[in-house]
PDB file of N, CA and C in Angstrom:
ATOM      1  N   MET A   1      80.108  61.349 -37.029  1.00  0.00           N
ATOM      2  CA  MET A   1      80.602  61.219 -35.682  1.00  0.00           C
ATOM      3  C   MET A   1      81.859  60.351 -35.706  1.00  0.00           C
ATOM      4  N   ARG A   2      82.844  60.763 -34.969  1.00  0.00           N
ATOM      5  CA  ARG A   2      84.055  59.965 -34.835  1.00  0.00           C
ATOM      6  C   ARG A   2      83.795  58.865 -33.817  1.00  0.00           C
ATOM      7  N   PRO A   3      84.141  57.619 -34.163  1.00  0.00           N
ATOM      8  CA  PRO A   3      83.894  56.515 -33.228  1.00  0.00           C
ATOM      9  C   PRO A   3      84.548  56.717 -31.870  1.00  0.00           C
ATOM     10  N   ASP A   4      85.697  57.377 -31.843  1.00  0.00           N
ATOM     11  CA  ASP A   4      86.387  57.582 -30.574  1.00  0.00           C
ATOM     12  C   ASP A   4      85.720  58.651 -29.716  1.00  0.00           C
ATOM     13  N   LYS A   5      84.680  59.283 -30.211  1.00  0.00           N
ATOM     14  CA  LYS A   5      83.989  60.337 -29.465  1.00  0.00           C
ATOM     15  C   LYS A   5      82.564  59.941 -29.083  1.00  0.00           C
ATOM     16  N   ALA A   6      82.242  58.670 -29.156  1.00  0.00           N
ATOM     17  CA  ALA A   6      80.876  58.219 -28.880  1.00  0.00           C
ATOM     18  C   ALA A   6      80.401  58.584 -27.480  1.00  0.00           C
ATOM     19  N   ASP A   7      81.294  58.583 -26.499  1.00  0.00           N
ATOM     20  CA  ASP A   7      80.917  58.908 -25.121  1.00  0.00           C
ATOM     21  C   ASP A   7      81.341  60.313 -24.720  1.00  0.00           C
ATOM     22  N   ASP A   8      81.530  61.169 -25.706  1.00  0.00           N
ATOM     23  CA  ASP A   8      81.944  62.554 -25.459  1.00  0.00           C
ATOM     24  C   ASP A   8      80.719  63.452 -25.635  1.00  0.00           C
ATOM     25  N   ILE A   9      80.271  64.073 -24.548  1.00  0.00           N
ATOM     26  CA  ILE A   9      79.041  64.868 -24.616  1.00  0.00           C
ATOM     27  C   ILE A   9      79.218  66.175 -25.370  1.00  0.00           C
ATOM     28  N   LYS A  10      80.444  66.567 -25.614  1.00  0.00           N
ATOM     29  CA  LYS A  10      80.685  67.799 -26.345  1.00  0.00           C
ATOM     30  C   LYS A  10      80.878  67.531 -27.832  1.00  0.00           C
ATOM     31  N   LEU A  11      81.691  66.542 -28.171  1.00  0.00           N
ATOM     32  CA  LEU A  11      82.052  66.307 -29.561  1.00  0.00           C
ATOM     33  C   LEU A  11      81.346  65.121 -30.197  1.00  0.00           C
ATOM     34  N   GLY A  12      80.681  64.303 -29.411  1.00  0.00           N
ATOM     35  CA  GLY A  12      79.982  63.141 -29.941  1.00  0.00           C
ATOM     36  C   GLY A  12      78.691  63.529 -30.655  1.00  0.00           C
ATOM     37  N   ARG A  13      78.104  62.549 -31.313  1.00  0.00           N
ATOM     38  CA  ARG A  13      76.864  62.771 -32.054  1.00  0.00           C
ATOM     39  C   ARG A  13      75.778  63.316 -31.133  1.00  0.00           C
ATOM     40  N   GLY A  14      75.128  64.402 -31.570  1.00  0.00           N
ATOM     41  CA  GLY A  14      74.074  65.021 -30.781  1.00  0.00           C
ATOM     42  C   GLY A  14      74.589  65.804 -29.593  1.00  0.00           C
ATOM     43  N   GLY A  15      75.882  66.024 -29.559  1.00  0.00           N
ATOM     44  CA  GLY A  15      76.498  66.702 -28.426  1.00  0.00           C
ATOM     45  C   GLY A  15      76.381  68.215 -28.476  1.00  0.00           C
ATOM     46  N   ILE A  16      77.030  68.827 -27.525  1.00  0.00           N
ATOM     47  CA  ILE A  16      76.984  70.280 -27.362  1.00  0.00           C
ATOM     48  C   ILE A  16      77.408  70.995 -28.635  1.00  0.00           C
ATOM     49  N   ARG A  17      78.496  70.538 -29.255  1.00  0.00           N
ATOM     50  CA  ARG A  17      79.006  71.214 -30.450  1.00  0.00           C
ATOM     51  C   ARG A  17      78.022  71.157 -31.615  1.00  0.00           C
ATOM     52  N   GLU A  18      77.294  70.074 -31.773  1.00  0.00           N
ATOM     53  CA  GLU A  18      76.327  69.991 -32.870  1.00  0.00           C
ATOM     54  C   GLU A  18      75.210  71.012 -32.696  1.00  0.00           C
ATOM     55  N   ILE A  19      74.754  71.196 -31.483  1.00  0.00           N
ATOM     56  CA  ILE A  19      73.704  72.185 -31.229  1.00  0.00           C
ATOM     57  C   ILE A  19      74.258  73.584 -31.449  1.00  0.00           C
ATOM     58  N   GLU A  20      75.468  73.834 -30.957  1.00  0.00           N
ATOM     59  CA  GLU A  20      76.086  75.146 -31.167  1.00  0.00           C
ATOM     60  C   GLU A  20      76.316  75.406 -32.651  1.00  0.00           C
ATOM     61  N   PHE A  21      76.721  74.382 -33.388  1.00  0.00           N
ATOM     62  CA  PHE A  21      76.936  74.540 -34.822  1.00  0.00           C
ATOM     63  C   PHE A  21      75.635  74.905 -35.532  1.00  0.00           C
ATOM     64  N   SER A  22      74.536  74.291 -35.128  1.00  0.00           N
ATOM     65  CA  SER A  22      73.231  74.622 -35.722  1.00  0.00           C
ATOM     66  C   SER A  22      72.920  76.102 -35.550  1.00  0.00           C
ATOM     67  N   ALA A  23      73.180  76.616 -34.365  1.00  0.00           N
ATOM     68  CA  ALA A  23      72.952  78.045 -34.114  1.00  0.00           C
ATOM     69  C   ALA A  23      73.912  78.896 -34.938  1.00  0.00           C
ATOM     70  N   GLN A  24      75.154  78.463 -35.048  1.00  0.00           N
ATOM     71  CA  GLN A  24      76.148  79.233 -35.791  1.00  0.00           C
ATOM     72  C   GLN A  24      75.832  79.307 -37.279  1.00  0.00           C
ATOM     73  N   VAL A  25      75.176  78.281 -37.803  1.00  0.00           N
ATOM     74  CA  VAL A  25      74.757  78.315 -39.209  1.00  0.00           C
ATOM     75  C   VAL A  25      73.797  79.478 -39.430  1.00  0.00           C
ATOM     76  N   PHE A  26      72.840  79.651 -38.530  1.00  0.00           N
ATOM     77  CA  PHE A  26      71.922  80.789 -38.638  1.00  0.00           C
ATOM     78  C   PHE A  26      72.680  82.104 -38.537  1.00  0.00           C
ATOM     79  N   GLN A  27      73.643  82.166 -37.647  1.00  0.00           N
ATOM     80  CA  GLN A  27      74.420  83.390 -37.489  1.00  0.00           C
ATOM     81  C   GLN A  27      75.189  83.718 -38.765  1.00  0.00           C
ATOM     82  N   LEU A  28      75.772  82.716 -39.392  1.00  0.00           N
ATOM     83  CA  LEU A  28      76.538  82.944 -40.615  1.00  0.00           C
ATOM     84  C   LEU A  28      75.651  83.332 -41.792  1.00  0.00           C
ATOM     85  N   ILE A  29      74.539  82.642 -41.932  1.00  0.00           N
ATOM     86  CA  ILE A  29      73.671  82.869 -43.089  1.00  0.00           C
ATOM     87  C   ILE A  29      72.798  84.106 -42.919  1.00  0.00           C
ATOM     88  N   ARG A  30      72.255  84.321 -41.740  1.00  0.00           N
ATOM     89  CA  ARG A  30      71.294  85.406 -41.519  1.00  0.00           C
ATOM     90  C   ARG A  30      71.842  86.603 -40.751  1.00  0.00           C
ATOM     91  N   GLY A  31      72.978  86.440 -40.118  1.00  0.00           N
ATOM     92  CA  GLY A  31      73.508  87.495 -39.254  1.00  0.00           C
ATOM     93  C   GLY A  31      73.790  88.809 -39.952  1.00  0.00           C
ATOM     94  N   GLY A  32      74.119  88.758 -41.233  1.00  0.00           N
ATOM     95  CA  GLY A  32      74.383  89.992 -41.975  1.00  0.00           C
ATOM     96  C   GLY A  32      73.152  90.857 -42.136  1.00  0.00           C
ATOM     97  N   GLN A  33      71.983  90.236 -42.275  1.00  0.00           N
ATOM     98  CA  GLN A  33      70.742  90.979 -42.476  1.00  0.00           C
ATOM     99  C   GLN A  33      69.934  91.158 -41.199  1.00  0.00           C
ATOM    100  N   ASP A  34      70.158  90.306 -40.224  1.00  0.00           N
ATOM    101  CA  ASP A  34      69.312  90.310 -39.027  1.00  0.00           C
ATOM    102  C   ASP A  34      70.180  90.392 -37.771  1.00  0.00           C
ATOM    103  N   ALA A  35      70.159  91.536 -37.131  1.00  0.00           N
ATOM    104  CA  ALA A  35      70.987  91.759 -35.938  1.00  0.00           C
ATOM    105  C   ALA A  35      70.621  90.819 -34.789  1.00  0.00           C
ATOM    106  N   GLY A  36      69.431  90.261 -34.813  1.00  0.00           N
ATOM    107  CA  GLY A  36      69.016  89.327 -33.773  1.00  0.00           C
ATOM    108  C   GLY A  36      69.866  88.071 -33.723  1.00  0.00           C
ATOM    109  N   PHE A  37      70.563  87.783 -34.812  1.00  0.00           N
ATOM    110  CA  PHE A  37      71.453  86.623 -34.842  1.00  0.00           C
ATOM    111  C   PHE A  37      72.878  86.974 -34.423  1.00  0.00           C
ATOM    112  N   ARG A  38      73.128  88.242 -34.197  1.00  0.00           N
ATOM    113  CA  ARG A  38      74.478  88.678 -33.815  1.00  0.00           C
ATOM    114  C   ARG A  38      74.627  88.729 -32.296  1.00  0.00           C
ATOM    115  N   VAL A  39      74.267  87.646 -31.663  1.00  0.00           N
ATOM    116  CA  VAL A  39      74.387  87.509 -30.211  1.00  0.00           C
ATOM    117  C   VAL A  39      75.176  86.236 -29.920  1.00  0.00           C
ATOM    118  N   ARG A  40      75.742  86.154 -28.738  1.00  0.00           N
ATOM    119  CA  ARG A  40      76.575  84.998 -28.398  1.00  0.00           C
ATOM    120  C   ARG A  40      75.799  83.788 -27.881  1.00  0.00           C
ATOM    121  N   PRO A  41      74.806  83.960 -27.035  1.00  0.00           N
ATOM    122  CA  PRO A  41      74.177  82.764 -26.447  1.00  0.00           C
ATOM    123  C   PRO A  41      73.490  81.868 -27.484  1.00  0.00           C
ATOM    124  N   THR A  42      73.863  80.623 -27.480  1.00  0.00           N
ATOM    125  CA  THR A  42      73.292  79.639 -28.401  1.00  0.00           C
ATOM    126  C   THR A  42      71.775  79.580 -28.283  1.00  0.00           C
ATOM    127  N   LEU A  43      71.267  79.560 -27.060  1.00  0.00           N
ATOM    128  CA  LEU A  43      69.819  79.456 -26.868  1.00  0.00           C
ATOM    129  C   LEU A  43      69.088  80.680 -27.404  1.00  0.00           C
ATOM    130  N   ALA A  44      69.684  81.854 -27.291  1.00  0.00           N
ATOM    131  CA  ALA A  44      69.069  83.074 -27.828  1.00  0.00           C
ATOM    132  C   ALA A  44      68.987  83.003 -29.349  1.00  0.00           C
ATOM    133  N   VAL A  45      70.008  82.464 -29.977  1.00  0.00           N
ATOM    134  CA  VAL A  45      70.004  82.319 -31.436  1.00  0.00           C
ATOM    135  C   VAL A  45      68.908  81.344 -31.857  1.00  0.00           C
ATOM    136  N   LEU A  46      68.792  80.234 -31.163  1.00  0.00           N
ATOM    137  CA  LEU A  46      67.749  79.258 -31.493  1.00  0.00           C
ATOM    138  C   LEU A  46      66.355  79.856 -31.313  1.00  0.00           C
ATOM    139  N   ARG A  47      66.149  80.588 -30.230  1.00  0.00           N
ATOM    140  CA  ARG A  47      64.842  81.232 -30.006  1.00  0.00           C
ATOM    141  C   ARG A  47      64.538  82.244 -31.114  1.00  0.00           C
ATOM    142  N   HIS A  48      65.544  82.992 -31.518  1.00  0.00           N
ATOM    143  CA  HIS A  48      65.348  83.993 -32.573  1.00  0.00           C
ATOM    144  C   HIS A  48      64.994  83.297 -33.896  1.00  0.00           C
ATOM    145  N   ALA A  49      65.660  82.190 -34.174  1.00  0.00           N
ATOM    146  CA  ALA A  49      65.357  81.430 -35.391  1.00  0.00           C
ATOM    147  C   ALA A  49      63.917  80.920 -35.363  1.00  0.00           C
ATOM    148  N   ALA A  50      63.476  80.432 -34.221  1.00  0.00           N
ATOM    149  CA  ALA A  50      62.099  79.944 -34.098  1.00  0.00           C
ATOM    150  C   ALA A  50      61.103  81.089 -34.208  1.00  0.00           C
ATOM    151  N   ALA A  51      61.413  82.213 -33.597  1.00  0.00           N
ATOM    152  CA  ALA A  51      60.514  83.368 -33.635  1.00  0.00           C
ATOM    153  C   ALA A  51      60.320  83.892 -35.054  1.00  0.00           C
ATOM    154  N   HIS A  52      61.294  83.643 -35.912  1.00  0.00           N
ATOM    155  CA  HIS A  52      61.210  84.108 -37.294  1.00  0.00           C
ATOM    156  C   HIS A  52      60.866  82.988 -38.275  1.00  0.00           C
ATOM    157  N   GLY A  53      60.386  81.866 -37.736  1.00  0.00           N
ATOM    158  CA  GLY A  53      59.899  80.776 -38.569  1.00  0.00           C
ATOM    159  C   GLY A  53      60.972  79.986 -39.299  1.00  0.00           C
ATOM    160  N   LEU A  54      62.215  80.098 -38.876  1.00  0.00           N
ATOM    161  CA  LEU A  54      63.299  79.380 -39.543  1.00  0.00           C
ATOM    162  C   LEU A  54      63.445  77.951 -39.032  1.00  0.00           C
ATOM    163  N   ILE A  55      63.004  77.715 -37.820  1.00  0.00           N
ATOM    164  CA  ILE A  55      62.875  76.356 -37.295  1.00  0.00           C
ATOM    165  C   ILE A  55      61.558  76.288 -36.533  1.00  0.00           C
ATOM    166  N   ASP A  56      61.000  75.114 -36.485  1.00  0.00           N
ATOM    167  CA  ASP A  56      59.748  74.919 -35.770  1.00  0.00           C
ATOM    168  C   ASP A  56      59.963  75.152 -34.275  1.00  0.00           C
ATOM    169  N   THR A  57      58.975  75.694 -33.627  1.00  0.00           N
ATOM    170  CA  THR A  57      59.063  75.966 -32.192  1.00  0.00           C
ATOM    171  C   THR A  57      59.367  74.700 -31.395  1.00  0.00           C
ATOM    172  N   SER A  58      58.789  73.578 -31.801  1.00  0.00           N
ATOM    173  CA  SER A  58      59.044  72.323 -31.079  1.00  0.00           C
ATOM    174  C   SER A  58      60.496  71.872 -31.249  1.00  0.00           C
ATOM    175  N   VAL A  59      61.069  72.118 -32.413  1.00  0.00           N
ATOM    176  CA  VAL A  59      62.480  71.790 -32.644  1.00  0.00           C
ATOM    177  C   VAL A  59      63.359  72.674 -31.769  1.00  0.00           C
ATOM    178  N   CYS A  60      63.021  73.948 -31.709  1.00  0.00           N
ATOM    179  CA  CYS A  60      63.761  74.881 -30.861  1.00  0.00           C
ATOM    180  C   CYS A  60      63.720  74.421 -29.405  1.00  0.00           C
ATOM    181  N   GLU A  61      62.560  74.018 -28.946  1.00  0.00           N
ATOM    182  CA  GLU A  61      62.419  73.582 -27.556  1.00  0.00           C
ATOM    183  C   GLU A  61      63.225  72.313 -27.285  1.00  0.00           C
ATOM    184  N   LYS A  62      63.177  71.357 -28.209  1.00  0.00           N
ATOM    185  CA  LYS A  62      63.941  70.115 -28.027  1.00  0.00           C
ATOM    186  C   LYS A  62      65.440  70.379 -28.026  1.00  0.00           C
ATOM    187  N   LEU A  63      65.904  71.220 -28.946  1.00  0.00           N
ATOM    188  CA  LEU A  63      67.328  71.568 -28.980  1.00  0.00           C
ATOM    189  C   LEU A  63      67.737  72.303 -27.711  1.00  0.00           C
ATOM    190  N   SER A  64      66.881  73.198 -27.254  1.00  0.00           N
ATOM    191  CA  SER A  64      67.178  73.967 -26.042  1.00  0.00           C
ATOM    192  C   SER A  64      67.249  73.056 -24.819  1.00  0.00           C
ATOM    193  N   GLN A  65      66.303  72.136 -24.709  1.00  0.00           N
ATOM    194  CA  GLN A  65      66.315  71.190 -23.585  1.00  0.00           C
ATOM    195  C   GLN A  65      67.559  70.312 -23.626  1.00  0.00           C
ATOM    196  N   ALA A  66      67.892  69.826 -24.816  1.00  0.00           N
ATOM    197  CA  ALA A  66      69.080  68.981 -24.964  1.00  0.00           C
ATOM    198  C   ALA A  66      70.349  69.757 -24.624  1.00  0.00           C
ATOM    199  N   TYR A  67      70.395  71.010 -25.035  1.00  0.00           N
ATOM    200  CA  TYR A  67      71.570  71.843 -24.765  1.00  0.00           C
ATOM    201  C   TYR A  67      71.725  72.097 -23.266  1.00  0.00           C
ATOM    202  N   ARG A  68      70.626  72.463 -22.611  1.00  0.00           N
ATOM    203  CA  ARG A  68      70.689  72.705 -21.165  1.00  0.00           C
ATOM    204  C   ARG A  68      71.072  71.430 -20.405  1.00  0.00           C
ATOM    205  N   PHE A  69      70.479  70.311 -20.796  1.00  0.00           N
ATOM    206  CA  PHE A  69      70.799  69.033 -20.164  1.00  0.00           C
ATOM    207  C   PHE A  69      72.279  68.695 -20.360  1.00  0.00           C
ATOM    208  N   SER A  70      72.760  68.845 -21.583  1.00  0.00           N
ATOM    209  CA  SER A  70      74.158  68.522 -21.881  1.00  0.00           C
ATOM    210  C   SER A  70      75.118  69.421 -21.122  1.00  0.00           C
ATOM    211  N   ARG A  71      74.774  70.686 -21.001  1.00  0.00           N
ATOM    212  CA  ARG A  71      75.630  71.605 -20.239  1.00  0.00           C
ATOM    213  C   ARG A  71      75.638  71.245 -18.753  1.00  0.00           C
ATOM    214  N   GLU A  72      74.474  70.872 -18.231  1.00  0.00           N
ATOM    215  CA  GLU A  72      74.416  70.467 -16.825  1.00  0.00           C
ATOM    216  C   GLU A  72      75.235  69.191 -16.611  1.00  0.00           C
ATOM    217  N   LEU A  73      75.105  68.259 -17.538  1.00  0.00           N
ATOM    218  CA  LEU A  73      75.873  67.019 -17.461  1.00  0.00           C
ATOM    219  C   LEU A  73      77.374  67.314 -17.544  1.00  0.00           C
ATOM    220  N   GLU A  74      77.741  68.218 -18.430  1.00  0.00           N
ATOM    221  CA  GLU A  74      79.144  68.634 -18.553  1.00  0.00           C
ATOM    222  C   GLU A  74      79.669  69.177 -17.221  1.00  0.00           C
ATOM    223  N   HIS A  75      78.874  70.012 -16.587  1.00  0.00           N
ATOM    224  CA  HIS A  75      79.290  70.577 -15.302  1.00  0.00           C
ATOM    225  C   HIS A  75      79.453  69.496 -14.242  1.00  0.00           C
ATOM    226  N   ARG A  76      78.536  68.539 -14.207  1.00  0.00           N
ATOM    227  CA  ARG A  76      78.631  67.454 -13.228  1.00  0.00           C
ATOM    228  C   ARG A  76      79.889  66.610 -13.471  1.00  0.00           C
ATOM    229  N   LEU A  77      80.185  66.347 -14.736  1.00  0.00           N
ATOM    230  CA  LEU A  77      81.406  65.600 -15.061  1.00  0.00           C
ATOM    231  C   LEU A  77      82.644  66.337 -14.562  1.00  0.00           C
ATOM    232  N   GLN A  78      82.652  67.628 -14.776  1.00  0.00           N
ATOM    233  CA  GLN A  78      83.821  68.418 -14.411  1.00  0.00           C
ATOM    234  C   GLN A  78      83.925  68.614 -12.901  1.00  0.00           C
ATOM    235  N   TYR A  79      82.791  68.713 -12.212  1.00  0.00           N
ATOM    236  CA  TYR A  79      82.813  68.819 -10.751  1.00  0.00           C
ATOM    237  C   TYR A  79      83.419  67.567 -10.124  1.00  0.00           C
ATOM    238  N   ARG A  80      83.007  66.404 -10.648  1.00  0.00           N
ATOM    239  CA  ARG A  80      83.448  65.134 -10.053  1.00  0.00           C
ATOM    240  C   ARG A  80      84.956  64.975 -10.089  1.00  0.00           C
ATOM    241  N   ASN A  81      85.558  65.348 -11.188  1.00  0.00           N
ATOM    242  CA  ASN A  81      86.992  65.120 -11.352  1.00  0.00           C
ATOM    243  C   ASN A  81      87.813  66.393 -11.252  1.00  0.00           C
ATOM    244  N   ASP A  82      87.149  67.513 -11.030  1.00  0.00           N
ATOM    245  CA  ASP A  82      87.829  68.797 -10.997  1.00  0.00           C
ATOM    246  C   ASP A  82      88.769  68.929 -12.196  1.00  0.00           C
ATOM    247  N   ALA A  83      88.217  68.605 -13.373  1.00  0.00           N
ATOM    248  CA  ALA A  83      89.009  68.617 -14.602  1.00  0.00           C
ATOM    249  C   ALA A  83      88.132  69.012 -15.786  1.00  0.00           C
ATOM    250  N   GLN A  84      88.763  69.514 -16.820  1.00  0.00           N
ATOM    251  CA  GLN A  84      88.079  69.880 -18.059  1.00  0.00           C
ATOM    252  C   GLN A  84      87.863  68.596 -18.854  1.00  0.00           C
ATOM    253  N   THR A  85      86.718  67.968 -18.678  1.00  0.00           N
ATOM    254  CA  THR A  85      86.433  66.712 -19.364  1.00  0.00           C
ATOM    255  C   THR A  85      85.019  66.740 -19.925  1.00  0.00           C
ATOM    256  N   HIS A  86      84.820  65.965 -20.976  1.00  0.00           N
ATOM    257  CA  HIS A  86      83.499  65.844 -21.592  1.00  0.00           C
ATOM    258  C   HIS A  86      83.157  64.379 -21.841  1.00  0.00           C
ATOM    259  N   ALA A  87      83.987  63.499 -21.312  1.00  0.00           N
ATOM    260  CA  ALA A  87      83.823  62.067 -21.541  1.00  0.00           C
ATOM    261  C   ALA A  87      82.991  61.424 -20.438  1.00  0.00           C
ATOM    262  N   ILE A  88      82.002  60.655 -20.863  1.00  0.00           N
ATOM    263  CA  ILE A  88      81.208  59.866 -19.924  1.00  0.00           C
ATOM    264  C   ILE A  88      82.129  58.773 -19.368  1.00  0.00           C
ATOM    265  N   PRO A  89      82.159  58.593 -18.072  1.00  0.00           N
ATOM    266  CA  PRO A  89      83.049  57.565 -17.513  1.00  0.00           C
ATOM    267  C   PRO A  89      82.644  56.166 -17.971  1.00  0.00           C
ATOM    268  N   VAL A  90      83.616  55.279 -18.048  1.00  0.00           N
ATOM    269  CA  VAL A  90      83.325  53.899 -18.436  1.00  0.00           C
ATOM    270  C   VAL A  90      83.051  53.024 -17.215  1.00  0.00           C
ATOM    271  N   ASP A  91      83.568  53.419 -16.083  1.00  0.00           N
ATOM    272  CA  ASP A  91      83.381  52.672 -14.844  1.00  0.00           C
ATOM    273  C   ASP A  91      81.917  52.707 -14.407  1.00  0.00           C
ATOM    274  N   ARG A  92      81.380  51.548 -14.066  1.00  0.00           N
ATOM    275  CA  ARG A  92      79.970  51.445 -13.688  1.00  0.00           C
ATOM    276  C   ARG A  92      79.621  52.298 -12.471  1.00  0.00           C
ATOM    277  N   GLU A  93      80.474  52.286 -11.475  1.00  0.00           N
ATOM    278  CA  GLU A  93      80.223  53.081 -10.264  1.00  0.00           C
ATOM    279  C   GLU A  93      80.283  54.580 -10.560  1.00  0.00           C
ATOM    280  N   GLU A  94      81.205  54.972 -11.410  1.00  0.00           N
ATOM    281  CA  GLU A  94      81.306  56.384 -11.797  1.00  0.00           C
ATOM    282  C   GLU A  94      80.058  56.825 -12.562  1.00  0.00           C
ATOM    283  N   ARG A  95      79.559  55.954 -13.429  1.00  0.00           N
ATOM    284  CA  ARG A  95      78.334  56.269 -14.179  1.00  0.00           C
ATOM    285  C   ARG A  95      77.143  56.395 -13.231  1.00  0.00           C
ATOM    286  N   ALA A  96      77.073  55.504 -12.259  1.00  0.00           N
ATOM    287  CA  ALA A  96      75.984  55.560 -11.278  1.00  0.00           C
ATOM    288  C   ALA A  96      76.064  56.850 -10.468  1.00  0.00           C
ATOM    289  N   ALA A  97      77.271  57.240 -10.079  1.00  0.00           N
ATOM    290  CA  ALA A  97      77.454  58.484  -9.320  1.00  0.00           C
ATOM    291  C   ALA A  97      77.073  59.696 -10.166  1.00  0.00           C
ATOM    292  N   LEU A  98      77.420  59.659 -11.437  1.00  0.00           N
ATOM    293  CA  LEU A  98      77.051  60.748 -12.344  1.00  0.00           C
ATOM    294  C   LEU A  98      75.528  60.844 -12.457  1.00  0.00           C
ATOM    295  N   ALA A  99      74.880  59.713 -12.601  1.00  0.00           N
ATOM    296  CA  ALA A  99      73.414  59.692 -12.689  1.00  0.00           C
ATOM    297  C   ALA A  99      72.793  60.297 -11.434  1.00  0.00           C
ATOM    298  N   ARG A 100      73.297  59.910 -10.279  1.00  0.00           N
ATOM    299  CA  ARG A 100      72.766  60.460  -9.025  1.00  0.00           C
ATOM    300  C   ARG A 100      73.000  61.967  -8.946  1.00  0.00           C
ATOM    301  N   ALA A 101      74.153  62.423  -9.420  1.00  0.00           N
ATOM    302  CA  ALA A 101      74.447  63.863  -9.414  1.00  0.00           C
ATOM    303  C   ALA A 101      73.481  64.633 -10.311  1.00  0.00           C
ATOM    304  N   MET A 102      72.923  63.940 -11.297  1.00  0.00           N
ATOM    305  CA  MET A 102      71.955  64.555 -12.206  1.00  0.00           C
ATOM    306  C   MET A 102      70.516  64.357 -11.729  1.00  0.00           C
ATOM    307  N   GLY A 103      70.349  63.753 -10.550  1.00  0.00           N
ATOM    308  CA  GLY A 103      69.018  63.566  -9.994  1.00  0.00           C
ATOM    309  C   GLY A 103      68.317  62.305 -10.457  1.00  0.00           C
ATOM    310  N   CYS A 104      69.059  61.368 -11.010  1.00  0.00           N
ATOM    311  CA  CYS A 104      68.484  60.112 -11.489  1.00  0.00           C
ATOM    312  C   CYS A 104      68.847  58.979 -10.532  1.00  0.00           C
ATOM    313  N   ASP A 105      68.013  57.961 -10.493  1.00  0.00           N
ATOM    314  CA  ASP A 105      68.263  56.826  -9.609  1.00  0.00           C
ATOM    315  C   ASP A 105      69.437  55.972 -10.073  1.00  0.00           C
ATOM    316  N   ASP A 106      69.591  55.848 -11.409  1.00  0.00           N
ATOM    317  CA  ASP A 106      70.669  55.024 -11.942  1.00  0.00           C
ATOM    318  C   ASP A 106      71.050  55.512 -13.339  1.00  0.00           C
ATOM    319  N   TYR A 107      72.099  54.922 -13.902  1.00  0.00           N
ATOM    320  CA  TYR A 107      72.610  55.367 -15.198  1.00  0.00           C
ATOM    321  C   TYR A 107      71.598  55.158 -16.332  1.00  0.00           C
ATOM    322  N   PRO A 108      70.913  53.997 -16.411  1.00  0.00           N
ATOM    323  CA  PRO A 108      69.908  53.845 -17.471  1.00  0.00           C
ATOM    324  C   PRO A 108      68.827  54.938 -17.425  1.00  0.00           C
ATOM    325  N   MET A 109      68.451  55.357 -16.223  1.00  0.00           N
ATOM    326  CA  MET A 109      67.456  56.431 -16.093  1.00  0.00           C
ATOM    327  C   MET A 109      68.013  57.746 -16.653  1.00  0.00           C
ATOM    328  N   LEU A 110      69.296  57.976 -16.476  1.00  0.00           N
ATOM    329  CA  LEU A 110      69.936  59.178 -17.018  1.00  0.00           C
ATOM    330  C   LEU A 110      69.848  59.197 -18.537  1.00  0.00           C
ATOM    331  N   LEU A 111      69.967  58.037 -19.155  1.00  0.00           N
ATOM    332  CA  LEU A 111      69.942  57.938 -20.613  1.00  0.00           C
ATOM    333  C   LEU A 111      68.537  57.998 -21.197  1.00  0.00           C
ATOM    334  N   ALA A 112      67.538  57.781 -20.370  1.00  0.00           N
ATOM    335  CA  ALA A 112      66.151  57.724 -20.865  1.00  0.00           C
ATOM    336  C   ALA A 112      65.644  59.078 -21.316  1.00  0.00           C
TER     337      ALA A 112
END
């Protein structure tokens, strides 16, 4: 992880790109033999990998939940500023507003 991307939900550690990369690895390695990996949606690739025993079902579910959460968070970030952004705001009030937009009472609850 790049230190300058710690608060970036797309490029930071555990972010959107890491989950997408995990799916793309299956597509690259297995896609030639298995047409089920030749699809675009990341979640469909993860489900297909789990269905074929390549990842544990619980891992698939955790990755899927994290991906959906991260995408929803990404959308909330972009709605607030009407901009293409993936950075968590540093301002305390902005973080609190983001948490509320995600249905949480406060920012620490969003991180839990």
